[in-house]
Amino acid sequence: VVYQALATGKPVVGSNIGGIPDLVTEGT
């Protein structure tokens, strides 16, 4: 779902756990 959101140009609010922080940066 993170990939889907980013691919459609949607910012993500995600948990700071697992691989999520590797995908959700300060800019996205």
PDB file of all heavy atoms in Angstrom:
ATOM      1  N   VAL A   1       0.821  -1.207   0.000  1.00  0.00           N
ATOM      2  CA  VAL A   1       0.000   0.000   0.000  1.00  0.00           C
ATOM      3  C   VAL A   1       0.863   1.268   0.000  1.00  0.00           C
ATOM      4  O   VAL A   1       0.463   2.286  -0.566  1.00  0.00           O
ATOM      5  CB  VAL A   1      -1.011   0.000   1.161  1.00  0.00           C
ATOM      6  CG1 VAL A   1      -0.316   0.103   2.514  1.00  0.00           C
ATOM      7  CG2 VAL A   1      -2.021   1.124   0.994  1.00  0.00           C
ATOM      8  N   VAL A   2       2.043   1.217   0.582  1.00  0.00           N
ATOM      9  CA  VAL A   2       2.926   2.390   0.548  1.00  0.00           C
ATOM     10  C   VAL A   2       3.349   2.653  -0.888  1.00  0.00           C
ATOM     11  O   VAL A   2       3.304   3.795  -1.358  1.00  0.00           O
ATOM     12  CB  VAL A   2       4.146   2.217   1.471  1.00  0.00           C
ATOM     13  CG1 VAL A   2       5.117   3.383   1.313  1.00  0.00           C
ATOM     14  CG2 VAL A   2       3.715   2.082   2.922  1.00  0.00           C
ATOM     15  N   TYR A   3       3.730   1.602  -1.611  1.00  0.00           N
ATOM     16  CA  TYR A   3       4.103   1.761  -3.020  1.00  0.00           C
ATOM     17  C   TYR A   3       2.931   2.295  -3.836  1.00  0.00           C
ATOM     18  O   TYR A   3       3.099   3.170  -4.690  1.00  0.00           O
ATOM     19  CB  TYR A   3       4.580   0.431  -3.608  1.00  0.00           C
ATOM     20  CG  TYR A   3       5.853  -0.084  -2.994  1.00  0.00           C
ATOM     21  CD1 TYR A   3       5.845  -1.196  -2.163  1.00  0.00           C
ATOM     22  CD2 TYR A   3       7.077   0.538  -3.248  1.00  0.00           C
ATOM     23  CE1 TYR A   3       7.014  -1.676  -1.598  1.00  0.00           C
ATOM     24  CE2 TYR A   3       8.254   0.064  -2.680  1.00  0.00           C
ATOM     25  CZ  TYR A   3       8.213  -1.038  -1.859  1.00  0.00           C
ATOM     26  OH  TYR A   3       9.366  -1.513  -1.298  1.00  0.00           O
ATOM     27  N   GLN A   4       1.741   1.760  -3.583  1.00  0.00           N
ATOM     28  CA  GLN A   4       0.556   2.221  -4.313  1.00  0.00           C
ATOM     29  C   GLN A   4       0.292   3.694  -4.043  1.00  0.00           C
ATOM     30  O   GLN A   4      -0.026   4.455  -4.959  1.00  0.00           O
ATOM     31  CB  GLN A   4      -0.669   1.390  -3.915  1.00  0.00           C
ATOM     32  CG  GLN A   4      -0.620  -0.038  -4.390  1.00  0.00           C
ATOM     33  CD  GLN A   4      -1.728  -0.885  -3.791  1.00  0.00           C
ATOM     34  OE1 GLN A   4      -1.938  -0.889  -2.580  1.00  0.00           O
ATOM     35  NE2 GLN A   4      -2.425  -1.631  -4.644  1.00  0.00           N
ATOM     36  N   ALA A   5       0.396   4.100  -2.793  1.00  0.00           N
ATOM     37  CA  ALA A   5       0.157   5.498  -2.436  1.00  0.00           C
ATOM     38  C   ALA A   5       1.182   6.405  -3.109  1.00  0.00           C
ATOM     39  O   ALA A   5       0.819   7.412  -3.726  1.00  0.00           O
ATOM     40  CB  ALA A   5       0.200   5.674  -0.918  1.00  0.00           C
ATOM     41  N   LEU A   6       2.452   6.068  -2.989  1.00  0.00           N
ATOM     42  CA  LEU A   6       3.500   6.904  -3.576  1.00  0.00           C
ATOM     43  C   LEU A   6       3.363   6.974  -5.091  1.00  0.00           C
ATOM     44  O   LEU A   6       3.535   8.047  -5.684  1.00  0.00           O
ATOM     45  CB  LEU A   6       4.882   6.382  -3.168  1.00  0.00           C
ATOM     46  CG  LEU A   6       5.188   6.396  -1.663  1.00  0.00           C
ATOM     47  CD1 LEU A   6       6.545   5.760  -1.382  1.00  0.00           C
ATOM     48  CD2 LEU A   6       5.095   7.794  -1.074  1.00  0.00           C
ATOM     49  N   ALA A   7       3.025   5.854  -5.720  1.00  0.00           N
ATOM     50  CA  ALA A   7       2.871   5.827  -7.175  1.00  0.00           C
ATOM     51  C   ALA A   7       1.712   6.700  -7.644  1.00  0.00           C
ATOM     52  O   ALA A   7       1.735   7.220  -8.761  1.00  0.00           O
ATOM     53  CB  ALA A   7       2.673   4.387  -7.666  1.00  0.00           C
ATOM     54  N   THR A   8       0.708   6.878  -6.794  1.00  0.00           N
ATOM     55  CA  THR A   8      -0.422   7.735  -7.167  1.00  0.00           C
ATOM     56  C   THR A   8      -0.253   9.154  -6.625  1.00  0.00           C
ATOM     57  O   THR A   8      -1.180   9.955  -6.696  1.00  0.00           O
ATOM     58  CB  THR A   8      -1.762   7.150  -6.682  1.00  0.00           C
ATOM     59  OG1 THR A   8      -1.700   6.912  -5.282  1.00  0.00           O
ATOM     60  CG2 THR A   8      -2.088   5.862  -7.403  1.00  0.00           C
ATOM     61  N   GLY A   9       0.931   9.444  -6.099  1.00  0.00           N
ATOM     62  CA  GLY A   9       1.217  10.806  -5.637  1.00  0.00           C
ATOM     63  C   GLY A   9       0.515  11.184  -4.351  1.00  0.00           C
ATOM     64  O   GLY A   9       0.169  12.347  -4.142  1.00  0.00           O
ATOM     65  N   LYS A  10       0.328  10.215  -3.475  1.00  0.00           N
ATOM     66  CA  LYS A  10      -0.332  10.486  -2.193  1.00  0.00           C
ATOM     67  C   LYS A  10       0.683  10.394  -1.063  1.00  0.00           C
ATOM     68  O   LYS A  10       1.390   9.393  -0.941  1.00  0.00           O
ATOM     69  CB  LYS A  10      -1.466   9.490  -1.924  1.00  0.00           C
ATOM     70  CG  LYS A  10      -2.542   9.494  -2.989  1.00  0.00           C
ATOM     71  CD  LYS A  10      -3.178  10.854  -3.141  1.00  0.00           C
ATOM     72  CE  LYS A  10      -4.174  10.847  -4.286  1.00  0.00           C
ATOM     73  NZ  LYS A  10      -4.790  12.133  -4.490  1.00  0.00           N
ATOM     74  N   PRO A  11       0.751  11.403  -0.215  1.00  0.00           N
ATOM     75  CA  PRO A  11       1.612  11.309   0.967  1.00  0.00           C
ATOM     76  C   PRO A  11       1.124  10.187   1.881  1.00  0.00           C
ATOM     77  O   PRO A  11      -0.055   9.848   1.890  1.00  0.00           O
ATOM     78  CB  PRO A  11       1.440  12.662   1.659  1.00  0.00           C
ATOM     79  CG  PRO A  11       0.842  13.564   0.641  1.00  0.00           C
ATOM     80  CD  PRO A  11       0.073  12.687  -0.301  1.00  0.00           C
ATOM     81  N   VAL A  12       2.045   9.644   2.656  1.00  0.00           N
ATOM     82  CA  VAL A  12       1.739   8.532   3.551  1.00  0.00           C
ATOM     83  C   VAL A  12       2.033   8.941   4.989  1.00  0.00           C
ATOM     84  O   VAL A  12       3.087   9.507   5.281  1.00  0.00           O
ATOM     85  CB  VAL A  12       2.580   7.289   3.189  1.00  0.00           C
ATOM     86  CG1 VAL A  12       2.359   6.167   4.188  1.00  0.00           C
ATOM     87  CG2 VAL A  12       2.264   6.814   1.777  1.00  0.00           C
ATOM     88  N   VAL A  13       1.098   8.658   5.875  1.00  0.00           N
ATOM     89  CA  VAL A  13       1.347   8.738   7.313  1.00  0.00           C
ATOM     90  C   VAL A  13       1.478   7.290   7.752  1.00  0.00           C
ATOM     91  O   VAL A  13       0.520   6.527   7.669  1.00  0.00           O
ATOM     92  CB  VAL A  13       0.203   9.449   8.067  1.00  0.00           C
ATOM     93  CG1 VAL A  13       0.439   9.378   9.568  1.00  0.00           C
ATOM     94  CG2 VAL A  13       0.077  10.898   7.606  1.00  0.00           C
ATOM     95  N   GLY A  14       2.690   6.908   8.159  1.00  0.00           N
ATOM     96  CA  GLY A  14       2.939   5.511   8.476  1.00  0.00           C
ATOM     97  C   GLY A  14       3.611   5.301   9.807  1.00  0.00           C
ATOM     98  O   GLY A  14       4.302   6.192  10.324  1.00  0.00           O
ATOM     99  N   SER A  15       3.427   4.113  10.339  1.00  0.00           N
ATOM    100  CA  SER A  15       4.071   3.724  11.590  1.00  0.00           C
ATOM    101  C   SER A  15       5.581   3.654  11.406  1.00  0.00           C
ATOM    102  O   SER A  15       6.072   3.179  10.379  1.00  0.00           O
ATOM    103  CB  SER A  15       3.581   2.350  12.039  1.00  0.00           C
ATOM    104  OG  SER A  15       2.232   2.375  12.382  1.00  0.00           O
ATOM    105  N   ASN A  16       6.282   4.081  12.414  1.00  0.00           N
ATOM    106  CA  ASN A  16       7.739   4.050  12.402  1.00  0.00           C
ATOM    107  C   ASN A  16       8.205   2.669  12.864  1.00  0.00           C
ATOM    108  O   ASN A  16       8.737   2.498  13.954  1.00  0.00           O
ATOM    109  CB  ASN A  16       8.280   5.157  13.315  1.00  0.00           C
ATOM    110  CG  ASN A  16       9.757   5.355  13.157  1.00  0.00           C
ATOM    111  OD1 ASN A  16      10.373   4.809  12.253  1.00  0.00           O
ATOM    112  ND2 ASN A  16      10.340   6.142  14.034  1.00  0.00           N
ATOM    113  N   ILE A  17       7.960   1.675  12.000  1.00  0.00           N
ATOM    114  CA  ILE A  17       8.262   0.284  12.346  1.00  0.00           C
ATOM    115  C   ILE A  17       8.520  -0.502  11.062  1.00  0.00           C
ATOM    116  O   ILE A  17       7.966  -0.193  10.012  1.00  0.00           O
ATOM    117  CB  ILE A  17       7.099  -0.347  13.161  1.00  0.00           C
ATOM    118  CG1 ILE A  17       7.512  -1.662  13.808  1.00  0.00           C
ATOM    119  CG2 ILE A  17       5.848  -0.490  12.329  1.00  0.00           C
ATOM    120  CD1 ILE A  17       6.509  -2.203  14.810  1.00  0.00           C
ATOM    121  N   GLY A  18       9.359  -1.520  11.170  1.00  0.00           N
ATOM    122  CA  GLY A  18       9.633  -2.388  10.032  1.00  0.00           C
ATOM    123  C   GLY A  18      10.233  -1.622   8.863  1.00  0.00           C
ATOM    124  O   GLY A  18      11.067  -0.746   9.040  1.00  0.00           O
ATOM    125  N   GLY A  19       9.760  -1.924   7.665  1.00  0.00           N
ATOM    126  CA  GLY A  19      10.277  -1.281   6.460  1.00  0.00           C
ATOM    127  C   GLY A  19       9.589   0.020   6.101  1.00  0.00           C
ATOM    128  O   GLY A  19       9.998   0.704   5.166  1.00  0.00           O
ATOM    129  N   ILE A  20       8.560   0.399   6.842  1.00  0.00           N
ATOM    130  CA  ILE A  20       7.813   1.618   6.525  1.00  0.00           C
ATOM    131  C   ILE A  20       8.710   2.860   6.543  1.00  0.00           C
ATOM    132  O   ILE A  20       8.678   3.658   5.605  1.00  0.00           O
ATOM    133  CB  ILE A  20       6.576   1.769   7.437  1.00  0.00           C
ATOM    134  CG1 ILE A  20       5.603   0.619   7.189  1.00  0.00           C
ATOM    135  CG2 ILE A  20       5.882   3.112   7.209  1.00  0.00           C
ATOM    136  CD1 ILE A  20       4.467   0.514   8.197  1.00  0.00           C
ATOM    137  N   PRO A  21       9.579   3.043   7.565  1.00  0.00           N
ATOM    138  CA  PRO A  21      10.433   4.237   7.563  1.00  0.00           C
ATOM    139  C   PRO A  21      11.445   4.269   6.416  1.00  0.00           C
ATOM    140  O   PRO A  21      11.960   5.330   6.081  1.00  0.00           O
ATOM    141  CB  PRO A  21      11.157   4.195   8.912  1.00  0.00           C
ATOM    142  CG  PRO A  21      10.618   3.065   9.667  1.00  0.00           C
ATOM    143  CD  PRO A  21       9.692   2.288   8.794  1.00  0.00           C
ATOM    144  N   ASP A  22      11.722   3.119   5.805  1.00  0.00           N
ATOM    145  CA  ASP A  22      12.608   3.104   4.648  1.00  0.00           C
ATOM    146  C   ASP A  22      11.906   3.668   3.414  1.00  0.00           C
ATOM    147  O   ASP A  22      12.561   4.124   2.476  1.00  0.00           O
ATOM    148  CB  ASP A  22      13.078   1.676   4.339  1.00  0.00           C
ATOM    149  CG  ASP A  22      13.958   1.118   5.427  1.00  0.00           C
ATOM    150  OD1 ASP A  22      14.636   1.899   6.129  1.00  0.00           O
ATOM    151  OD2 ASP A  22      13.969  -0.124   5.605  1.00  0.00           O
ATOM    152  N   LEU A  23      10.590   3.622   3.393  1.00  0.00           N
ATOM    153  CA  LEU A  23       9.815   4.071   2.238  1.00  0.00           C
ATOM    154  C   LEU A  23       9.210   5.455   2.426  1.00  0.00           C
ATOM    155  O   LEU A  23       9.058   6.206   1.471  1.00  0.00           O
ATOM    156  CB  LEU A  23       8.691   3.067   1.952  1.00  0.00           C
ATOM    157  CG  LEU A  23       9.136   1.645   1.638  1.00  0.00           C
ATOM    158  CD1 LEU A  23       7.932   0.709   1.577  1.00  0.00           C
ATOM    159  CD2 LEU A  23       9.924   1.605   0.347  1.00  0.00           C
ATOM    160  N   VAL A  24       8.825   5.774   3.648  1.00  0.00           N
ATOM    161  CA  VAL A  24       8.186   7.060   3.937  1.00  0.00           C
ATOM    162  C   VAL A  24       9.258   8.009   4.477  1.00  0.00           C
ATOM    163  O   VAL A  24       9.735   7.833   5.585  1.00  0.00           O
ATOM    164  CB  VAL A  24       7.033   6.898   4.954  1.00  0.00           C
ATOM    165  CG1 VAL A  24       6.405   8.249   5.266  1.00  0.00           C
ATOM    166  CG2 VAL A  24       5.995   5.927   4.426  1.00  0.00           C
ATOM    167  N   THR A  25       9.607   8.972   3.659  1.00  0.00           N
ATOM    168  CA  THR A  25      10.647   9.921   4.042  1.00  0.00           C
ATOM    169  C   THR A  25      10.015  11.242   4.457  1.00  0.00           C
ATOM    170  O   THR A  25       8.806  11.439   4.304  1.00  0.00           O
ATOM    171  CB  THR A  25      11.601  10.174   2.866  1.00  0.00           C
ATOM    172  OG1 THR A  25      10.862  10.835   1.820  1.00  0.00           O
ATOM    173  CG2 THR A  25      12.189   8.867   2.339  1.00  0.00           C
ATOM    174  N   GLU A  26      10.834  12.140   4.921  1.00  0.00           N
ATOM    175  CA  GLU A  26      10.328  13.456   5.321  1.00  0.00           C
ATOM    176  C   GLU A  26       9.645  14.168   4.154  1.00  0.00           C
ATOM    177  O   GLU A  26       8.717  14.936   4.344  1.00  0.00           O
ATOM    178  CB  GLU A  26      11.485  14.299   5.852  1.00  0.00           C
ATOM    179  CG  GLU A  26      11.026  15.504   6.628  1.00  0.00           C
ATOM    180  CD  GLU A  26      12.175  16.181   7.341  1.00  0.00           C
ATOM    181  OE1 GLU A  26      12.885  15.502   8.090  1.00  0.00           O
ATOM    182  OE2 GLU A  26      12.345  17.392   7.119  1.00  0.00           O
ATOM    183  N   GLY A  27      10.092  13.882   2.935  1.00  0.00           N
ATOM    184  CA  GLY A  27       9.507  14.523   1.766  1.00  0.00           C
ATOM    185  C   GLY A  27       8.247  13.871   1.245  1.00  0.00           C
ATOM    186  O   GLY A  27       7.489  14.472   0.489  1.00  0.00           O
ATOM    187  N   THR A  28       7.995  12.608   1.634  1.00  0.00           N
ATOM    188  CA  THR A  28       6.846  11.888   1.071  1.00  0.00           C
ATOM    189  C   THR A  28       5.770  11.565   2.095  1.00  0.00           C
ATOM    190  O   THR A  28       4.757  10.966   1.746  1.00  0.00           O
ATOM    191  CB  THR A  28       7.291  10.572   0.405  1.00  0.00           C
ATOM    192  OG1 THR A  28       7.888   9.726   1.401  1.00  0.00           O
ATOM    193  CG2 THR A  28       8.274  10.827  -0.731  1.00  0.00           C
TER     194      THR A  28
END
